[in-house]
Amino acid sequence: MTVSNGSMYATMYHSSHDTRAHIVSYQLGQIPNRYIMQKLPWLPWSQFVSLASHVKVSPYLKLGHGQAIGSTSHYLYVIANNHLLRKTPQSEELMQISKKNLQIKRIWTFKVWNHSVRTGRYFHSATFVNDHQFIAVYHDVTDHRFEYWEVTRRGNSWHPVEIGATKGEFMRNNSPVQGIAYDKKRKQIYLAFNDYLFKTNRAGKVLTSGHFHTGREFEGICVNDSYLYAELAQRLELLRQKIK
């Protein structure tokens, strides 16, 4: 999930095993109340048509696991990864998607390793700072730490630099990262695990954490215009909190 220019963009999968899905765009200012979108199949036809005119659906796209999506003024970016791969040097695909028609405009491939090709860094979660930079998190299970990588585009190539790391495990049960967000103004990173939320600086020092006790997990987070947005699963809800 990502929010940009008053619209929310969500990835919609048929099952949790799929790596292809649709992107659905909602204009938040055109939704009259918080619950109406759950009732689309039962609305009167005229009301359905009015609401649906502000919703866009992409073609069926290769989107990976959906935890590495972000947005800028004109584009969406998605890393089309395979979330079942671990500690692999395989390349990943980065999609640039037009907001106008939700179709792919450009595809890059990139590969990251730490000092040696044998220590591949395969990203499952990433957030996009602008059209030339994204920040990704990598869980090094062997060394029990989370690494933060800043990947910058120069010309038509992407160049990675490790900017920080957090020693130890955030979650005792090895729960995967469910979302990453970056606050450009404060230069802070947010990580979501199930219904836990952590905030770190760029070096990886944990600044604060919280547990929502909802029994539901996050499916994506992002920062936009000094607000933190969080998407909850089953049933889907979008939460917003002012960043102080």
Protein backbone atom coordinates (compact mmCIF):
# COMPACT_ATOMS: atom_id res chain seq x y z
CA MET A 1 0.00 0.00 0.00
CA THR A 2 1.12 3.57 -0.73
CA VAL A 3 -0.57 6.98 -0.50
CA SER A 4 0.30 9.88 -2.78
CA ASN A 5 -1.43 13.06 -4.03
CA GLY A 6 -4.66 12.20 -2.25
CA SER A 7 -4.93 8.66 -3.60
CA MET A 8 -4.32 5.28 -2.04
CA TYR A 9 -2.80 2.52 -4.16
CA ALA A 10 -3.28 -1.05 -2.92
CA THR A 11 -2.15 -4.38 -4.34
CA MET A 12 -4.95 -6.93 -4.66
CA TYR A 13 -4.01 -10.64 -4.81
CA HIS A 14 -6.12 -13.74 -5.39
CA SER A 15 -4.09 -15.66 -2.79
CA SER A 16 -1.05 -15.15 -0.55
CA HIS A 17 1.01 -17.40 -2.83
CA ASP A 18 0.57 -15.26 -5.94
CA THR A 19 3.21 -12.88 -7.26
CA ARG A 20 0.91 -11.32 -9.86
CA ALA A 21 -1.97 -9.05 -8.96
CA HIS A 22 -3.89 -5.85 -9.69
CA ILE A 23 -3.16 -2.39 -8.34
CA VAL A 24 -6.31 -0.56 -7.29
CA SER A 25 -6.32 3.23 -6.91
CA TYR A 26 -8.82 5.04 -4.65
CA GLN A 27 -9.24 8.83 -4.52
CA LEU A 28 -9.60 9.29 -0.78
CA GLY A 29 -11.29 12.69 -1.08
CA GLN A 30 -14.10 11.15 -3.15
CA ILE A 31 -15.05 8.53 -0.56
CA PRO A 32 -18.03 9.98 1.37
CA ASN A 33 -17.56 7.95 4.55
CA ARG A 34 -15.17 5.43 6.06
CA TYR A 35 -17.26 2.31 5.42
CA ILE A 36 -19.00 2.83 2.08
CA MET A 37 -16.35 1.04 -0.03
CA GLN A 38 -17.11 -2.22 1.81
CA LYS A 39 -20.68 -2.05 0.50
CA LEU A 40 -20.01 -1.62 -3.24
CA PRO A 41 -21.76 -4.87 -4.34
CA TRP A 42 -25.01 -3.87 -2.57
CA LEU A 43 -25.25 -0.15 -3.41
CA PRO A 44 -27.90 1.31 -5.71
CA TRP A 45 -26.58 1.41 -9.26
CA SER A 46 -26.31 5.21 -9.47
CA GLN A 47 -24.31 5.40 -6.24
CA PHE A 48 -22.07 2.53 -7.36
CA VAL A 49 -21.32 4.26 -10.67
CA SER A 50 -20.50 7.52 -8.87
CA LEU A 51 -18.04 5.83 -6.50
CA ALA A 52 -16.54 3.54 -9.14
CA SER A 53 -15.71 6.52 -11.37
CA HIS A 54 -12.99 7.45 -8.83
CA VAL A 55 -11.49 3.95 -8.68
CA LYS A 56 -8.88 2.67 -11.16
CA VAL A 57 -7.72 -0.92 -11.60
CA SER A 58 -4.48 -1.91 -13.31
CA PRO A 59 -3.99 -4.80 -15.71
CA TYR A 60 -2.77 -8.08 -14.18
CA LEU A 61 0.86 -7.29 -13.28
CA LYS A 62 3.91 -9.03 -11.88
CA LEU A 63 4.16 -7.33 -8.47
CA GLY A 64 6.06 -9.77 -6.27
CA HIS A 65 4.76 -10.16 -2.73
CA GLY A 66 3.42 -6.60 -2.56
CA GLN A 67 5.53 -5.39 0.39
CA ALA A 68 7.88 -3.36 -1.80
CA ILE A 69 5.68 -0.68 -3.35
CA GLY A 70 5.99 3.10 -3.22
CA SER A 71 5.00 6.26 -5.05
CA THR A 72 6.27 9.61 -6.27
CA SER A 73 4.46 12.49 -7.97
CA HIS A 74 3.98 10.72 -11.31
CA TYR A 75 4.87 7.06 -10.79
CA LEU A 76 4.42 3.97 -8.69
CA TYR A 77 7.40 1.71 -8.09
CA VAL A 78 7.27 -1.99 -7.26
CA ILE A 79 10.01 -4.55 -6.70
CA ALA A 80 8.65 -7.75 -8.23
CA ASN A 81 10.29 -10.19 -5.82
CA ASN A 82 9.71 -13.81 -4.86
CA HIS A 83 9.07 -13.82 -1.11
CA LEU A 84 9.96 -17.51 -0.83
CA LEU A 85 13.59 -16.89 -1.76
CA ARG A 86 16.08 -16.48 1.10
CA LYS A 87 19.81 -15.65 1.07
CA THR A 88 20.00 -15.72 -2.72
CA PRO A 89 22.15 -13.71 -5.16
CA GLN A 90 19.38 -13.70 -7.76
CA SER A 91 18.44 -10.48 -9.54
CA GLU A 92 15.23 -8.61 -8.82
CA GLU A 93 12.98 -6.62 -11.13
CA LEU A 94 12.00 -3.02 -10.44
CA MET A 95 8.85 -1.75 -12.17
CA GLN A 96 8.05 1.89 -12.88
CA ILE A 97 4.27 2.22 -13.28
CA SER A 98 2.42 5.26 -14.60
CA LYS A 99 -0.21 6.71 -12.27
CA LYS A 100 -2.30 7.79 -15.27
CA ASN A 101 -3.15 4.32 -16.56
CA LEU A 102 -1.52 1.99 -13.97
CA GLN A 103 0.54 0.31 -16.67
CA ILE A 104 4.26 -0.49 -16.62
CA LYS A 105 6.43 2.16 -18.25
CA ARG A 106 9.91 0.83 -17.48
CA ILE A 107 11.59 -2.26 -15.99
CA TRP A 108 15.06 -2.50 -14.47
CA THR A 109 16.90 -5.47 -13.01
CA PHE A 110 19.28 -5.09 -10.10
CA LYS A 111 21.31 -7.36 -7.82
CA VAL A 112 22.74 -6.65 -4.37
CA TRP A 113 25.33 -8.52 -2.34
CA ASN A 114 27.40 -7.67 0.72
CA HIS A 115 31.12 -7.79 -0.20
CA SER A 116 30.76 -11.13 -2.01
CA VAL A 117 28.43 -12.63 -4.58
CA ARG A 118 27.90 -15.50 -2.12
CA THR A 119 26.20 -13.14 0.34
CA GLY A 120 23.24 -12.03 -1.71
CA ARG A 121 20.79 -9.46 -0.37
CA TYR A 122 17.36 -10.25 -1.77
CA PHE A 123 14.85 -7.58 -0.71
CA HIS A 124 11.27 -8.41 0.20
CA SER A 125 10.36 -4.98 1.63
CA ALA A 126 11.25 -1.51 0.31
CA THR A 127 9.95 2.06 0.21
CA PHE A 128 10.63 4.70 -2.43
CA VAL A 129 12.03 8.12 -1.51
CA ASN A 130 11.85 9.64 -5.01
CA ASP A 131 12.28 8.65 -8.66
CA HIS A 132 15.99 7.97 -8.11
CA GLN A 133 16.17 6.35 -4.69
CA PHE A 134 14.62 3.66 -2.53
CA ILE A 135 15.31 2.25 0.93
CA ALA A 136 15.07 -1.49 1.59
CA VAL A 137 15.38 -3.69 4.65
CA TYR A 138 17.09 -7.08 4.72
CA HIS A 139 16.85 -9.63 7.54
CA ASP A 140 20.18 -11.40 8.00
CA VAL A 141 19.04 -14.53 9.84
CA THR A 142 22.58 -15.88 10.28
CA ASP A 143 23.97 -12.78 11.99
CA HIS A 144 20.66 -11.91 13.69
CA ARG A 145 20.37 -8.36 12.42
CA PHE A 146 18.30 -6.17 10.12
CA GLU A 147 20.19 -4.19 7.48
CA TYR A 148 19.01 -0.95 5.82
CA TRP A 149 20.10 -0.31 2.26
CA GLU A 150 19.81 2.89 0.24
CA VAL A 151 19.71 2.20 -3.49
CA THR A 152 20.30 5.16 -5.82
CA ARG A 153 19.75 5.42 -9.56
CA ARG A 154 22.55 6.89 -11.64
CA GLY A 155 21.71 7.02 -15.32
CA ASN A 156 20.06 3.67 -15.97
CA SER A 157 21.73 1.72 -13.15
CA TRP A 158 20.91 1.28 -9.47
CA HIS A 159 23.72 1.42 -6.88
CA PRO A 160 23.27 0.05 -3.32
CA VAL A 161 24.88 1.27 -0.10
CA GLU A 162 24.27 -0.19 3.37
CA ILE A 163 23.36 2.77 5.62
CA GLY A 164 22.65 1.05 8.94
CA ALA A 165 21.70 -2.08 10.83
CA THR A 166 19.80 -3.16 13.93
CA LYS A 167 21.42 -5.94 15.96
CA GLY A 168 19.11 -8.64 17.27
CA GLU A 169 15.61 -9.68 16.27
CA PHE A 170 12.56 -7.43 16.43
CA MET A 171 10.25 -10.43 16.85
CA ARG A 172 11.04 -13.66 18.70
CA ASN A 173 9.03 -15.83 16.30
CA ASN A 174 10.88 -14.64 13.17
CA SER A 175 7.79 -12.85 11.84
CA PRO A 176 8.50 -11.26 8.45
CA VAL A 177 8.50 -7.53 7.83
CA GLN A 178 4.99 -6.55 6.76
CA GLY A 179 5.88 -3.03 5.66
CA ILE A 180 8.56 -0.36 5.63
CA ALA A 181 8.08 3.41 5.45
CA TYR A 182 10.50 6.34 5.41
CA ASP A 183 9.93 9.80 6.88
CA LYS A 184 12.05 12.05 4.64
CA LYS A 185 11.62 15.10 6.87
CA ARG A 186 12.89 13.41 10.03
CA LYS A 187 15.04 10.80 8.25
CA GLN A 188 13.45 7.94 10.19
CA ILE A 189 12.46 4.42 9.19
CA TYR A 190 9.26 2.62 10.24
CA LEU A 191 8.95 -1.17 10.26
CA ALA A 192 5.74 -3.16 10.71
CA PHE A 193 5.56 -6.76 12.02
CA ASN A 194 2.13 -8.34 12.51
CA ASP A 195 0.52 -5.73 14.82
CA TYR A 196 3.81 -4.27 16.07
CA LEU A 197 5.36 -1.04 14.81
CA PHE A 198 8.98 0.10 15.29
CA LYS A 199 10.71 3.39 14.47
CA THR A 200 14.48 3.62 13.90
CA ASN A 201 16.95 6.21 12.68
CA ARG A 202 18.91 5.62 9.48
CA ALA A 203 21.74 3.97 11.41
CA GLY A 204 19.29 1.38 12.76
CA LYS A 205 18.94 2.56 16.36
CA VAL A 206 15.43 1.80 17.64
CA LEU A 207 13.78 5.06 18.74
CA THR A 208 10.37 3.80 19.82
CA SER A 209 7.93 0.93 19.35
CA GLY A 210 4.26 0.14 19.82
CA HIS A 211 1.85 -2.80 19.91
CA PHE A 212 -1.76 -2.33 18.84
CA HIS A 213 -3.22 -5.54 20.37
CA THR A 214 -5.63 -5.87 17.46
CA GLY A 215 -5.09 -9.53 16.61
CA ARG A 216 -4.78 -8.40 12.99
CA GLU A 217 -1.64 -7.81 10.99
CA PHE A 218 -0.34 -4.91 8.98
CA GLU A 219 -0.22 -5.41 5.22
CA GLY A 220 1.56 -2.18 4.39
CA ILE A 221 2.63 1.21 5.77
CA CYS A 222 3.77 4.49 4.26
CA VAL A 223 4.52 8.10 5.17
CA ASN A 224 2.93 10.94 3.19
CA ASP A 225 2.59 14.64 4.08
CA SER A 226 3.58 14.16 7.76
CA TYR A 227 1.09 11.30 8.22
CA LEU A 228 1.78 7.64 8.82
CA TYR A 229 -0.67 5.39 6.97
CA ALA A 230 -1.18 1.75 7.90
CA GLU A 231 -3.25 -0.89 6.12
CA LEU A 232 -4.71 -3.69 8.25
CA ALA A 233 -5.73 -7.07 6.91
CA GLN A 234 -8.97 -9.00 7.25
CA ARG A 235 -10.94 -6.94 6.89
CA LEU A 236 -9.00 -4.30 5.08
CA GLU A 237 -8.87 -0.93 6.80
CA LEU A 238 -6.72 2.15 6.27
CA LEU A 239 -5.48 3.99 9.39
CA ARG A 240 -3.87 7.43 9.54
CA GLN A 241 -1.82 9.02 12.32
CA LYS A 242 -0.21 12.48 12.41
CA ILE A 243 3.55 12.24 12.94
CA LYS A 244 4.73 14.48 15.79
